[in-house]
């Protein structure tokens, strides 16, 4: 399959044309219209050497909110009220912490200044959201992503203290269920999210769910 180069238009190739690792296209920009069109098709951006790379892996790692798994240890953390849960009170700080947090097996971060600017713009438009764990008045964990229709597309998470990101994720999934969210996109496999109930589904099923759940 070819690797597509994107231009000024917001066109994307069919996701079935992605390479084996899920890479579909390169180039373009991160303006809100392009990002919204990408997510609607199940495509998300990562950066490499300051170049936007657009991905749609098969299979896709997702969580159905009703399948959220809360371990006994996390139930105790929640009962002890170790953290305070908030949403959308420190979006820029959440994305900056995600950018600055070292990742195992990664020498850098895909969250470039351009990425941070783009998602902060989506936040001002009410499209991007943050979920936050606070402790003693300090932001100690959280995540951010995009909400479209009945789908939440998770982007990145961070934790400065044990269980903070899991706490924020669990609390946010419970809130999303109340808001009618039916699918959470976790993009690619992590053991962290697998322990919370996420699992793989075929890309074809994922894209059909997007058609059903996003107007």
N, C-alpha and C. Protein backbone atom coordinates (compact mmCIF):
# COMPACT_ATOMS: atom_id res chain seq x y z
N UNK A 1 0.84 -1.19 0.00
CA UNK A 1 0.00 0.00 0.00
C UNK A 1 0.88 1.26 0.00
N UNK A 2 0.44 2.32 -0.67
CA UNK A 2 1.21 3.56 -0.67
C UNK A 2 1.04 4.31 0.65
N UNK A 3 2.00 5.18 0.96
CA UNK A 3 1.86 6.10 2.08
C UNK A 3 1.45 7.44 1.49
N UNK A 4 0.26 7.89 1.84
CA UNK A 4 -0.29 9.10 1.24
C UNK A 4 0.33 10.35 1.86
N UNK A 5 0.54 11.37 1.03
CA UNK A 5 0.99 12.69 1.48
C UNK A 5 -0.19 13.64 1.40
N UNK A 6 -0.54 14.27 2.52
CA UNK A 6 -1.68 15.16 2.56
C UNK A 6 -1.28 16.58 2.16
N UNK A 7 -2.21 17.27 1.50
CA UNK A 7 -1.97 18.64 1.10
C UNK A 7 -2.83 19.60 1.90
N UNK A 8 -3.26 20.68 1.27
CA UNK A 8 -4.04 21.70 1.96
C UNK A 8 -5.49 21.28 2.18
N UNK A 9 -6.02 20.42 1.33
CA UNK A 9 -7.39 19.97 1.51
C UNK A 9 -7.47 19.05 2.72
N UNK A 10 -8.68 18.80 3.20
CA UNK A 10 -8.87 17.97 4.37
C UNK A 10 -9.24 16.54 4.00
N UNK A 11 -8.88 16.14 2.80
CA UNK A 11 -9.17 14.78 2.33
C UNK A 11 -8.27 13.78 3.04
N UNK A 12 -8.85 12.60 3.36
CA UNK A 12 -8.10 11.47 3.89
C UNK A 12 -8.34 10.25 3.02
N UNK A 13 -7.33 9.41 2.83
CA UNK A 13 -7.53 8.18 2.07
C UNK A 13 -8.34 7.18 2.88
N UNK A 14 -8.85 6.14 2.21
CA UNK A 14 -9.60 5.10 2.94
C UNK A 14 -8.71 4.45 4.00
N UNK A 15 -9.28 4.18 5.16
CA UNK A 15 -8.48 3.62 6.25
C UNK A 15 -7.96 2.23 5.90
N UNK A 16 -8.65 1.55 4.98
CA UNK A 16 -8.21 0.21 4.58
C UNK A 16 -6.85 0.26 3.87
N UNK A 17 -6.42 1.46 3.45
CA UNK A 17 -5.15 1.60 2.76
C UNK A 17 -3.98 1.78 3.73
N UNK A 18 -4.23 1.74 5.02
CA UNK A 18 -3.15 1.91 5.99
C UNK A 18 -2.15 0.77 5.89
N UNK A 19 -0.90 1.07 6.24
CA UNK A 19 0.13 0.04 6.27
C UNK A 19 -0.16 -0.93 7.41
N UNK A 20 0.62 -1.99 7.47
CA UNK A 20 0.37 -3.04 8.46
C UNK A 20 0.40 -2.50 9.88
N UNK A 21 1.26 -1.49 10.13
CA UNK A 21 1.35 -0.94 11.49
C UNK A 21 0.31 0.14 11.76
N UNK A 22 -0.55 0.43 10.76
CA UNK A 22 -1.61 1.40 10.95
C UNK A 22 -1.32 2.77 10.37
N UNK A 23 -0.09 3.01 9.90
CA UNK A 23 0.25 4.31 9.33
C UNK A 23 -0.46 4.49 7.99
N UNK A 24 -1.17 5.62 7.86
CA UNK A 24 -2.00 5.85 6.68
C UNK A 24 -1.49 6.99 5.81
N UNK A 25 -1.06 8.09 6.44
CA UNK A 25 -0.69 9.28 5.66
C UNK A 25 0.27 10.14 6.46
N UNK A 26 0.86 11.12 5.77
CA UNK A 26 1.78 12.04 6.42
C UNK A 26 1.50 13.46 5.90
N UNK A 27 1.90 14.44 6.70
CA UNK A 27 1.77 15.82 6.26
C UNK A 27 0.47 16.46 6.68
N UNK A 28 0.16 17.59 6.07
CA UNK A 28 -1.02 18.35 6.44
C UNK A 28 -0.78 19.16 7.69
N UNK A 29 -1.86 19.65 8.27
CA UNK A 29 -1.76 20.46 9.49
C UNK A 29 -2.75 19.95 10.52
N UNK A 30 -2.86 20.68 11.63
CA UNK A 30 -3.73 20.25 12.72
C UNK A 30 -4.83 21.26 12.97
N UNK A 31 -5.36 21.84 11.91
CA UNK A 31 -6.46 22.77 12.15
C UNK A 31 -7.71 21.99 12.59
N UNK A 32 -8.60 22.64 13.33
CA UNK A 32 -9.73 21.92 13.91
C UNK A 32 -10.56 21.12 12.91
N UNK A 33 -10.80 21.68 11.74
CA UNK A 33 -11.63 20.97 10.76
C UNK A 33 -10.98 19.67 10.33
N UNK A 34 -9.67 19.71 10.08
CA UNK A 34 -8.97 18.48 9.67
C UNK A 34 -8.99 17.45 10.80
N UNK A 35 -8.72 17.90 12.02
CA UNK A 35 -8.72 16.98 13.15
C UNK A 35 -10.08 16.33 13.35
N UNK A 36 -11.14 17.12 13.27
CA UNK A 36 -12.48 16.57 13.45
C UNK A 36 -12.80 15.55 12.37
N UNK A 37 -12.41 15.85 11.14
CA UNK A 37 -12.67 14.91 10.05
C UNK A 37 -11.88 13.62 10.25
N UNK A 38 -10.64 13.76 10.74
CA UNK A 38 -9.81 12.58 10.97
C UNK A 38 -10.44 11.68 12.03
N UNK A 39 -10.78 12.25 13.17
CA UNK A 39 -11.36 11.44 14.25
C UNK A 39 -12.67 10.79 13.81
N UNK A 40 -13.44 11.52 13.05
CA UNK A 40 -14.71 10.96 12.57
C UNK A 40 -14.49 9.70 11.74
N UNK A 41 -13.34 9.61 11.07
CA UNK A 41 -13.01 8.45 10.25
C UNK A 41 -12.19 7.41 11.01
N UNK A 42 -11.89 7.68 12.29
CA UNK A 42 -11.09 6.73 13.07
C UNK A 42 -9.60 6.93 12.92
N UNK A 43 -9.19 8.11 12.45
CA UNK A 43 -7.78 8.43 12.20
C UNK A 43 -7.29 9.40 13.27
N UNK A 44 -6.08 9.20 13.75
CA UNK A 44 -5.53 10.13 14.74
C UNK A 44 -4.09 10.47 14.38
N UNK A 45 -3.61 11.64 14.83
CA UNK A 45 -2.24 12.07 14.49
C UNK A 45 -1.24 11.75 15.59
N UNK A 46 -0.04 11.37 15.17
CA UNK A 46 1.14 11.36 16.01
C UNK A 46 2.22 12.12 15.25
N UNK A 47 3.15 12.71 15.96
CA UNK A 47 4.22 13.44 15.30
C UNK A 47 5.52 12.66 15.37
N UNK A 48 6.33 12.82 14.31
CA UNK A 48 7.69 12.28 14.29
C UNK A 48 8.56 13.24 13.50
N UNK A 49 9.63 13.71 14.13
CA UNK A 49 10.52 14.69 13.48
C UNK A 49 9.73 15.87 12.94
N UNK A 50 8.79 16.37 13.76
CA UNK A 50 7.98 17.55 13.46
C UNK A 50 7.06 17.36 12.25
N UNK A 51 6.83 16.11 11.86
CA UNK A 51 5.94 15.80 10.74
C UNK A 51 4.70 15.09 11.25
N UNK A 52 3.49 15.60 10.94
CA UNK A 52 2.29 14.88 11.33
C UNK A 52 2.18 13.53 10.59
N UNK A 53 1.99 12.48 11.34
CA UNK A 53 1.73 11.15 10.78
C UNK A 53 0.34 10.75 11.22
N UNK A 54 -0.44 10.21 10.30
CA UNK A 54 -1.85 9.91 10.57
C UNK A 54 -2.04 8.40 10.58
N UNK A 55 -2.71 7.88 11.62
CA UNK A 55 -2.76 6.45 11.89
C UNK A 55 -4.20 5.96 12.03
N UNK A 56 -4.39 4.71 11.63
CA UNK A 56 -5.65 4.02 11.89
C UNK A 56 -5.34 2.52 12.00
N UNK A 57 -4.88 2.09 13.17
CA UNK A 57 -4.41 0.71 13.32
C UNK A 57 -5.55 -0.31 13.31
N UNK A 58 -5.19 -1.53 12.98
CA UNK A 58 -6.11 -2.65 12.98
C UNK A 58 -5.39 -3.84 13.64
N UNK A 59 -5.90 -4.35 14.78
CA UNK A 59 -7.17 -3.99 15.43
C UNK A 59 -7.04 -2.68 16.22
N UNK A 60 -8.17 -2.25 16.82
CA UNK A 60 -8.23 -1.00 17.58
C UNK A 60 -8.49 -1.31 19.05
N UNK A 61 -7.82 -0.60 19.91
CA UNK A 61 -7.93 -0.80 21.36
C UNK A 61 -9.02 0.12 21.90
N UNK A 62 -10.06 -0.45 22.50
CA UNK A 62 -11.21 0.35 22.94
C UNK A 62 -11.69 -0.13 24.31
N UNK A 63 -12.52 0.71 24.92
CA UNK A 63 -13.21 0.33 26.14
C UNK A 63 -14.69 0.65 25.98
N UNK A 64 -15.54 -0.33 26.20
CA UNK A 64 -16.97 -0.06 26.32
C UNK A 64 -17.20 0.36 27.77
N UNK A 65 -17.76 1.54 28.01
CA UNK A 65 -17.87 2.06 29.38
C UNK A 65 -18.49 1.08 30.36
N UNK A 66 -19.47 0.30 29.92
CA UNK A 66 -20.12 -0.63 30.85
C UNK A 66 -19.20 -1.79 31.23
N UNK A 67 -18.07 -1.94 30.52
CA UNK A 67 -17.12 -3.01 30.83
C UNK A 67 -15.95 -2.52 31.67
N UNK A 68 -16.03 -1.29 32.16
CA UNK A 68 -14.97 -0.75 33.02
C UNK A 68 -14.74 -1.69 34.20
N UNK A 69 -13.47 -2.04 34.42
CA UNK A 69 -13.13 -2.91 35.55
C UNK A 69 -12.41 -2.09 36.62
N UNK A 70 -12.93 -2.13 37.84
CA UNK A 70 -12.34 -1.42 38.96
C UNK A 70 -11.85 -2.46 39.96
N UNK A 71 -10.54 -2.57 40.10
CA UNK A 71 -9.97 -3.57 41.00
C UNK A 71 -10.31 -3.24 42.46
N UNK A 72 -10.14 -4.23 43.31
CA UNK A 72 -10.42 -4.01 44.74
C UNK A 72 -9.51 -2.92 45.31
N UNK A 73 -8.25 -2.89 44.85
CA UNK A 73 -7.32 -1.89 45.36
C UNK A 73 -7.75 -0.49 44.93
N UNK A 74 -8.26 -0.36 43.69
CA UNK A 74 -8.73 0.96 43.25
C UNK A 74 -10.04 1.34 43.93
N UNK A 75 -10.86 0.36 44.22
CA UNK A 75 -12.08 0.66 44.99
C UNK A 75 -11.72 1.25 46.35
N UNK A 76 -10.66 0.72 46.95
CA UNK A 76 -10.21 1.25 48.24
C UNK A 76 -9.66 2.67 48.10
N UNK A 77 -8.91 2.93 47.02
CA UNK A 77 -8.39 4.28 46.76
C UNK A 77 -9.55 5.27 46.66
N UNK A 78 -10.59 4.88 45.94
CA UNK A 78 -11.75 5.76 45.76
C UNK A 78 -12.47 5.98 47.08
N UNK A 79 -12.64 4.91 47.85
CA UNK A 79 -13.33 5.03 49.15
C UNK A 79 -12.56 5.90 50.13
N UNK A 80 -11.23 5.81 50.07
CA UNK A 80 -10.40 6.60 50.99
C UNK A 80 -10.34 8.08 50.61
N UNK A 81 -10.87 8.39 49.42
CA UNK A 81 -10.88 9.78 48.93
C UNK A 81 -9.48 10.38 48.93
N UNK A 82 -8.54 9.60 48.37
CA UNK A 82 -7.16 10.07 48.28
C UNK A 82 -7.02 11.24 47.30
N UNK A 83 -7.92 11.28 46.30
CA UNK A 83 -7.85 12.31 45.27
C UNK A 83 -9.20 13.01 45.14
N UNK A 84 -9.14 14.19 44.56
CA UNK A 84 -10.36 14.93 44.18
C UNK A 84 -10.44 14.92 42.66
N UNK A 85 -11.60 14.57 42.15
CA UNK A 85 -11.80 14.49 40.70
C UNK A 85 -12.42 15.77 40.17
N UNK A 86 -11.85 16.29 39.08
CA UNK A 86 -12.38 17.48 38.42
C UNK A 86 -12.28 17.29 36.90
N UNK A 87 -13.07 18.04 36.17
CA UNK A 87 -12.96 18.03 34.71
C UNK A 87 -12.84 19.46 34.20
N UNK A 88 -12.00 19.62 33.19
CA UNK A 88 -11.90 20.87 32.43
C UNK A 88 -11.55 22.09 33.28
N UNK A 89 -10.78 21.90 34.34
CA UNK A 89 -10.34 23.05 35.12
C UNK A 89 -8.88 23.41 34.86
N UNK A 90 -8.13 22.49 34.22
CA UNK A 90 -6.70 22.74 33.99
C UNK A 90 -6.25 22.04 32.72
N UNK A 91 -7.01 22.24 31.63
CA UNK A 91 -6.72 21.51 30.39
C UNK A 91 -5.29 21.73 29.93
N UNK A 92 -4.85 22.98 29.84
CA UNK A 92 -3.50 23.28 29.34
C UNK A 92 -2.44 22.62 30.21
N UNK A 93 -2.67 22.56 31.51
CA UNK A 93 -1.70 21.93 32.42
C UNK A 93 -1.70 20.41 32.24
N UNK A 94 -2.85 19.84 31.98
CA UNK A 94 -2.92 18.39 31.74
C UNK A 94 -2.11 18.03 30.51
N UNK A 95 -2.33 18.74 29.41
CA UNK A 95 -1.62 18.39 28.18
C UNK A 95 -0.12 18.65 28.32
N UNK A 96 0.25 19.68 29.08
CA UNK A 96 1.68 19.95 29.30
C UNK A 96 2.30 18.84 30.14
N UNK A 97 1.60 18.35 31.14
CA UNK A 97 2.11 17.24 31.94
C UNK A 97 2.21 15.96 31.12
N UNK A 98 1.24 15.73 30.25
CA UNK A 98 1.33 14.56 29.35
C UNK A 98 2.56 14.68 28.45
N UNK A 99 2.83 15.89 27.97
CA UNK A 99 3.97 16.12 27.09
C UNK A 99 5.29 15.86 27.83
N UNK A 100 5.35 16.27 29.09
CA UNK A 100 6.62 16.22 29.82
C UNK A 100 6.87 14.89 30.51
N UNK A 101 5.88 14.01 30.57
CA UNK A 101 6.05 12.74 31.29
C UNK A 101 6.84 11.75 30.45
N UNK A 102 7.96 11.22 30.96
CA UNK A 102 8.74 10.21 30.21
C UNK A 102 7.91 8.95 29.97
N UNK A 103 8.08 8.35 28.80
CA UNK A 103 7.37 7.11 28.46
C UNK A 103 8.38 5.99 28.27
N UNK A 104 8.07 4.83 28.82
CA UNK A 104 8.96 3.68 28.67
C UNK A 104 9.12 3.33 27.20
N UNK A 105 10.37 3.22 26.75
CA UNK A 105 10.65 2.85 25.38
C UNK A 105 10.59 4.01 24.40
N UNK A 106 10.35 5.24 24.89
CA UNK A 106 10.29 6.42 24.02
C UNK A 106 11.35 7.41 24.45
N UNK A 107 12.09 7.96 23.46
CA UNK A 107 13.13 8.93 23.76
C UNK A 107 12.60 10.36 23.77
N UNK A 108 11.40 10.56 23.26
CA UNK A 108 10.83 11.90 23.20
C UNK A 108 9.32 11.83 23.35
N UNK A 109 8.63 12.83 22.82
CA UNK A 109 7.18 12.87 22.90
C UNK A 109 6.60 13.29 21.57
N UNK A 110 5.42 12.76 21.26
CA UNK A 110 4.74 13.17 20.04
C UNK A 110 3.95 14.46 20.27
N UNK A 111 3.81 14.87 21.53
CA UNK A 111 3.04 16.07 21.84
C UNK A 111 3.94 17.29 21.67
N UNK A 112 4.06 17.75 20.45
CA UNK A 112 4.88 18.91 20.13
C UNK A 112 4.13 20.19 20.51
N UNK A 113 4.79 21.34 20.49
CA UNK A 113 4.08 22.60 20.72
C UNK A 113 2.90 22.79 19.76
N UNK A 114 3.06 22.33 18.51
CA UNK A 114 1.96 22.44 17.55
C UNK A 114 0.76 21.60 17.99
N UNK A 115 1.03 20.41 18.51
CA UNK A 115 -0.05 19.55 19.01
C UNK A 115 -0.74 20.21 20.19
N UNK A 116 0.04 20.72 21.14
CA UNK A 116 -0.55 21.37 22.31
C UNK A 116 -1.42 22.55 21.90
N UNK A 117 -0.95 23.35 20.96
CA UNK A 117 -1.74 24.50 20.49
C UNK A 117 -3.04 24.03 19.85
N UNK A 118 -2.97 22.99 19.03
CA UNK A 118 -4.15 22.50 18.31
C UNK A 118 -5.21 21.99 19.28
N UNK A 119 -4.80 21.22 20.28
CA UNK A 119 -5.79 20.64 21.20
C UNK A 119 -6.30 21.67 22.20
N UNK A 120 -5.46 22.65 22.55
CA UNK A 120 -5.97 23.75 23.36
C UNK A 120 -7.03 24.53 22.60
N UNK A 121 -6.86 24.65 21.29
CA UNK A 121 -7.88 25.31 20.47
C UNK A 121 -9.17 24.50 20.47
N UNK A 122 -9.05 23.17 20.36
CA UNK A 122 -10.24 22.32 20.42
C UNK A 122 -10.92 22.42 21.78
N UNK A 123 -10.12 22.62 22.82
CA UNK A 123 -10.70 22.80 24.15
C UNK A 123 -11.54 24.07 24.21
N UNK A 124 -11.04 25.15 23.65
CA UNK A 124 -11.80 26.40 23.66
C UNK A 124 -13.08 26.28 22.86
N UNK A 125 -13.11 25.34 21.91
CA UNK A 125 -14.30 25.10 21.10
C UNK A 125 -15.27 24.12 21.77
N UNK A 126 -14.88 23.59 22.94
CA UNK A 126 -15.74 22.65 23.65
C UNK A 126 -15.68 21.24 23.12
N UNK A 127 -14.64 20.92 22.35
CA UNK A 127 -14.51 19.60 21.74
C UNK A 127 -13.54 18.72 22.50
N UNK A 128 -12.43 19.29 22.96
CA UNK A 128 -11.45 18.55 23.77
C UNK A 128 -11.77 18.75 25.25
N UNK A 129 -11.44 17.75 26.05
CA UNK A 129 -11.78 17.77 27.48
C UNK A 129 -10.66 17.16 28.29
N UNK A 130 -10.58 17.57 29.54
CA UNK A 130 -9.60 16.97 30.46
C UNK A 130 -10.30 16.40 31.68
N UNK A 131 -9.74 15.32 32.19
CA UNK A 131 -10.17 14.72 33.45
C UNK A 131 -8.97 14.75 34.38
N UNK A 132 -9.18 15.18 35.62
CA UNK A 132 -8.04 15.52 36.47
C UNK A 132 -8.15 14.89 37.87
N UNK A 133 -7.01 14.48 38.39
CA UNK A 133 -6.90 14.03 39.78
C UNK A 133 -6.08 15.06 40.56
N UNK A 134 -6.67 15.58 41.62
CA UNK A 134 -6.02 16.59 42.45
C UNK A 134 -5.77 16.02 43.84
N UNK A 135 -4.67 16.44 44.45
CA UNK A 135 -4.33 16.00 45.80
C UNK A 135 -3.67 17.18 46.54
N UNK A 136 -4.25 17.55 47.65
CA UNK A 136 -3.73 18.69 48.43
C UNK A 136 -3.57 19.94 47.57
N UNK A 137 -4.55 20.15 46.69
CA UNK A 137 -4.54 21.35 45.86
C UNK A 137 -3.61 21.30 44.67
N UNK A 138 -2.98 20.14 44.42
CA UNK A 138 -2.03 19.99 43.31
C UNK A 138 -2.58 19.02 42.27
N UNK A 139 -2.34 19.34 40.99
CA UNK A 139 -2.70 18.44 39.90
C UNK A 139 -1.68 17.31 39.85
N UNK A 140 -2.12 16.07 40.12
CA UNK A 140 -1.18 14.95 40.22
C UNK A 140 -1.42 13.86 39.17
N UNK A 141 -2.46 13.99 38.38
CA UNK A 141 -2.73 13.00 37.35
C UNK A 141 -3.90 13.44 36.49
N UNK A 142 -4.01 12.83 35.31
CA UNK A 142 -5.14 13.17 34.46
C UNK A 142 -4.98 12.67 33.04
N UNK A 143 -5.92 13.03 32.22
CA UNK A 143 -5.94 12.64 30.82
C UNK A 143 -6.72 13.67 30.03
N UNK A 144 -6.54 13.63 28.71
CA UNK A 144 -7.33 14.51 27.84
C UNK A 144 -7.71 13.75 26.57
N UNK A 145 -8.72 14.26 25.90
CA UNK A 145 -9.17 13.64 24.67
C UNK A 145 -10.27 14.45 24.04
N UNK A 146 -10.92 13.86 23.05
CA UNK A 146 -11.93 14.55 22.25
C UNK A 146 -13.25 13.80 22.35
N UNK A 147 -14.31 14.57 22.49
CA UNK A 147 -15.64 13.99 22.57
C UNK A 147 -16.42 14.36 21.31
N UNK A 148 -16.93 13.33 20.62
CA UNK A 148 -17.75 13.54 19.43
C UNK A 148 -18.93 12.57 19.50
N UNK A 149 -20.15 13.11 19.45
CA UNK A 149 -21.31 12.24 19.53
C UNK A 149 -21.27 11.43 20.81
N UNK A 150 -21.38 10.11 20.67
CA UNK A 150 -21.36 9.22 21.82
C UNK A 150 -20.02 8.49 21.95
N UNK A 151 -18.96 9.14 21.44
CA UNK A 151 -17.62 8.54 21.48
C UNK A 151 -16.66 9.51 22.15
N UNK A 152 -15.80 8.97 23.04
CA UNK A 152 -14.70 9.75 23.58
C UNK A 152 -13.41 9.16 23.05
N UNK A 153 -12.58 9.99 22.43
CA UNK A 153 -11.30 9.57 21.87
C UNK A 153 -10.20 9.98 22.86
N UNK A 154 -9.68 9.03 23.61
CA UNK A 154 -8.62 9.34 24.56
C UNK A 154 -7.31 9.59 23.85
N UNK A 155 -6.55 10.57 24.32
CA UNK A 155 -5.30 10.93 23.68
C UNK A 155 -4.06 10.57 24.51
N UNK A 156 -4.00 11.07 25.73
CA UNK A 156 -2.82 10.80 26.55
C UNK A 156 -3.19 10.98 28.01
N UNK A 157 -2.37 10.38 28.89
CA UNK A 157 -2.61 10.51 30.32
C UNK A 157 -1.27 10.60 31.05
N UNK A 158 -1.30 11.09 32.28
CA UNK A 158 -0.08 11.19 33.07
C UNK A 158 -0.40 10.95 34.53
N UNK A 159 0.64 10.65 35.30
CA UNK A 159 0.46 10.45 36.73
C UNK A 159 1.75 10.82 37.44
N UNK A 160 1.64 11.66 38.46
CA UNK A 160 2.79 12.03 39.26
C UNK A 160 2.82 11.30 40.59
N UNK A 161 1.76 10.57 40.87
CA UNK A 161 1.72 9.77 42.09
C UNK A 161 0.92 8.51 41.81
N UNK A 162 1.19 7.47 42.54
CA UNK A 162 0.59 6.16 42.29
C UNK A 162 -0.94 6.24 42.25
N UNK A 163 -1.51 5.65 41.20
CA UNK A 163 -2.96 5.49 41.02
C UNK A 163 -3.69 6.76 40.58
N UNK A 164 -2.98 7.89 40.42
CA UNK A 164 -3.67 9.14 40.08
C UNK A 164 -4.34 9.08 38.71
N UNK A 165 -3.63 8.58 37.71
CA UNK A 165 -4.22 8.54 36.37
C UNK A 165 -5.34 7.51 36.30
N UNK A 166 -5.18 6.37 37.00
CA UNK A 166 -6.25 5.37 37.03
C UNK A 166 -7.50 5.96 37.70
N UNK A 167 -7.29 6.69 38.78
CA UNK A 167 -8.42 7.33 39.47
C UNK A 167 -9.14 8.28 38.53
N UNK A 168 -8.40 9.15 37.85
CA UNK A 168 -9.02 10.12 36.94
C UNK A 168 -9.77 9.39 35.82
N UNK A 169 -9.17 8.34 35.29
CA UNK A 169 -9.80 7.60 34.20
C UNK A 169 -11.09 6.92 34.67
N UNK A 170 -11.03 6.26 35.80
CA UNK A 170 -12.22 5.56 36.31
C UNK A 170 -13.35 6.55 36.56
N UNK A 171 -13.04 7.64 37.23
CA UNK A 171 -14.07 8.62 37.53
C UNK A 171 -14.65 9.23 36.26
N UNK A 172 -13.79 9.44 35.28
CA UNK A 172 -14.27 10.04 34.04
C UNK A 172 -15.14 9.07 33.24
N UNK A 173 -14.75 7.80 33.21
CA UNK A 173 -15.58 6.82 32.52
C UNK A 173 -16.97 6.76 33.16
N UNK A 174 -17.02 6.80 34.48
CA UNK A 174 -18.32 6.80 35.17
C UNK A 174 -19.14 8.03 34.77
N UNK A 175 -18.49 9.17 34.65
CA UNK A 175 -19.20 10.38 34.21
C UNK A 175 -19.64 10.26 32.77
N UNK A 176 -18.76 9.73 31.91
CA UNK A 176 -19.11 9.58 30.49
C UNK A 176 -20.30 8.66 30.30
N UNK A 177 -20.39 7.62 31.13
CA UNK A 177 -21.56 6.73 31.05
C UNK A 177 -22.84 7.52 31.29
N UNK A 178 -22.82 8.40 32.27
CA UNK A 178 -24.00 9.22 32.57
C UNK A 178 -24.32 10.18 31.43
N UNK A 179 -23.30 10.56 30.67
CA UNK A 179 -23.48 11.48 29.55
C UNK A 179 -23.90 10.76 28.26
N UNK A 180 -23.99 9.43 28.33
CA UNK A 180 -24.44 8.67 27.16
C UNK A 180 -23.33 8.21 26.24
N UNK A 181 -22.06 8.36 26.65
CA UNK A 181 -20.95 7.88 25.83
C UNK A 181 -20.99 6.36 25.78
N UNK A 182 -20.89 5.81 24.57
CA UNK A 182 -21.02 4.36 24.39
C UNK A 182 -19.71 3.69 24.00
N UNK A 183 -18.68 4.47 23.66
CA UNK A 183 -17.42 3.89 23.22
C UNK A 183 -16.28 4.84 23.59
N UNK A 184 -15.19 4.26 24.12
CA UNK A 184 -13.99 5.04 24.42
C UNK A 184 -12.85 4.47 23.59
N UNK A 185 -12.28 5.31 22.75
CA UNK A 185 -11.17 4.89 21.90
C UNK A 185 -9.86 5.05 22.68
N UNK A 186 -9.15 3.95 22.84
CA UNK A 186 -7.85 3.97 23.53
C UNK A 186 -6.69 3.85 22.55
N UNK A 187 -7.01 3.81 21.25
CA UNK A 187 -6.05 3.82 20.15
C UNK A 187 -5.22 2.54 20.07
N UNK A 188 -4.16 2.44 20.88
CA UNK A 188 -3.27 1.28 20.80
C UNK A 188 -3.11 0.65 22.18
N UNK A 189 -2.68 -0.60 22.19
CA UNK A 189 -2.64 -1.39 23.43
C UNK A 189 -1.71 -0.79 24.48
N UNK A 190 -2.19 -0.76 25.72
CA UNK A 190 -1.34 -0.57 26.90
C UNK A 190 -1.85 -1.50 27.99
N UNK A 191 -0.94 -2.05 28.77
CA UNK A 191 -1.35 -2.93 29.86
C UNK A 191 -2.12 -2.14 30.92
N UNK A 192 -1.78 -0.86 31.05
CA UNK A 192 -2.44 0.03 32.01
C UNK A 192 -3.95 0.07 31.76
N UNK A 193 -4.34 0.28 30.49
CA UNK A 193 -5.75 0.36 30.16
C UNK A 193 -6.40 -1.01 30.03
N UNK A 194 -5.61 -2.02 29.67
CA UNK A 194 -6.15 -3.37 29.64
C UNK A 194 -6.62 -3.78 31.03
N UNK A 195 -5.88 -3.35 32.07
CA UNK A 195 -6.26 -3.70 33.44
C UNK A 195 -7.56 -3.04 33.85
N UNK A 196 -7.99 -2.03 33.08
CA UNK A 196 -9.25 -1.33 33.38
C UNK A 196 -10.40 -1.80 32.48
N UNK A 197 -10.13 -2.80 31.63
CA UNK A 197 -11.21 -3.37 30.83
C UNK A 197 -11.13 -3.16 29.34
N UNK A 198 -10.12 -2.43 28.87
CA UNK A 198 -10.01 -2.18 27.43
C UNK A 198 -9.55 -3.45 26.70
N UNK A 199 -9.94 -3.57 25.44
CA UNK A 199 -9.56 -4.73 24.64
C UNK A 199 -9.59 -4.37 23.16
N UNK A 200 -9.09 -5.27 22.34
CA UNK A 200 -9.01 -5.05 20.90
C UNK A 200 -10.31 -5.42 20.19
N UNK A 201 -10.64 -4.62 19.17
CA UNK A 201 -11.72 -4.98 18.25
C UNK A 201 -11.22 -4.73 16.83
N UNK A 202 -11.79 -5.39 15.82
CA UNK A 202 -11.37 -5.15 14.44
C UNK A 202 -11.61 -3.69 14.03
N UNK A 203 -10.74 -3.17 13.19
CA UNK A 203 -10.89 -1.80 12.70
C UNK A 203 -12.23 -1.62 11.98
N UNK A 204 -12.64 -2.60 11.22
CA UNK A 204 -13.90 -2.49 10.50
C UNK A 204 -15.06 -2.28 11.45
N UNK A 205 -15.07 -3.02 12.56
CA UNK A 205 -16.12 -2.85 13.57
C UNK A 205 -16.02 -1.47 14.21
N UNK A 206 -14.81 -1.04 14.52
CA UNK A 206 -14.61 0.27 15.14
C UNK A 206 -15.17 1.37 14.25
N UNK A 207 -14.86 1.33 12.96
CA UNK A 207 -15.33 2.38 12.05
C UNK A 207 -16.85 2.33 11.88
N UNK A 208 -17.41 1.15 11.90
CA UNK A 208 -18.88 1.05 11.80
C UNK A 208 -19.54 1.60 13.05
N UNK A 209 -18.89 1.44 14.22
CA UNK A 209 -19.41 2.02 15.44
C UNK A 209 -19.37 3.54 15.40
N UNK A 210 -18.31 4.09 14.79
CA UNK A 210 -18.23 5.55 14.64
C UNK A 210 -19.40 6.05 13.79
N UNK A 211 -19.70 5.32 12.72
CA UNK A 211 -20.83 5.73 11.85
C UNK A 211 -22.14 5.73 12.63
N UNK A 212 -22.25 4.79 13.54
CA UNK A 212 -23.49 4.65 14.32
C UNK A 212 -23.60 5.67 15.45
N UNK A 213 -22.46 6.00 16.07
CA UNK A 213 -22.47 6.77 17.30
C UNK A 213 -22.18 8.26 17.14
N UNK A 214 -21.70 8.66 15.95
CA UNK A 214 -21.40 10.07 15.69
C UNK A 214 -22.31 10.56 14.58
N UNK A 215 -23.06 11.61 14.86
CA UNK A 215 -23.95 12.17 13.84
C UNK A 215 -23.14 12.72 12.68
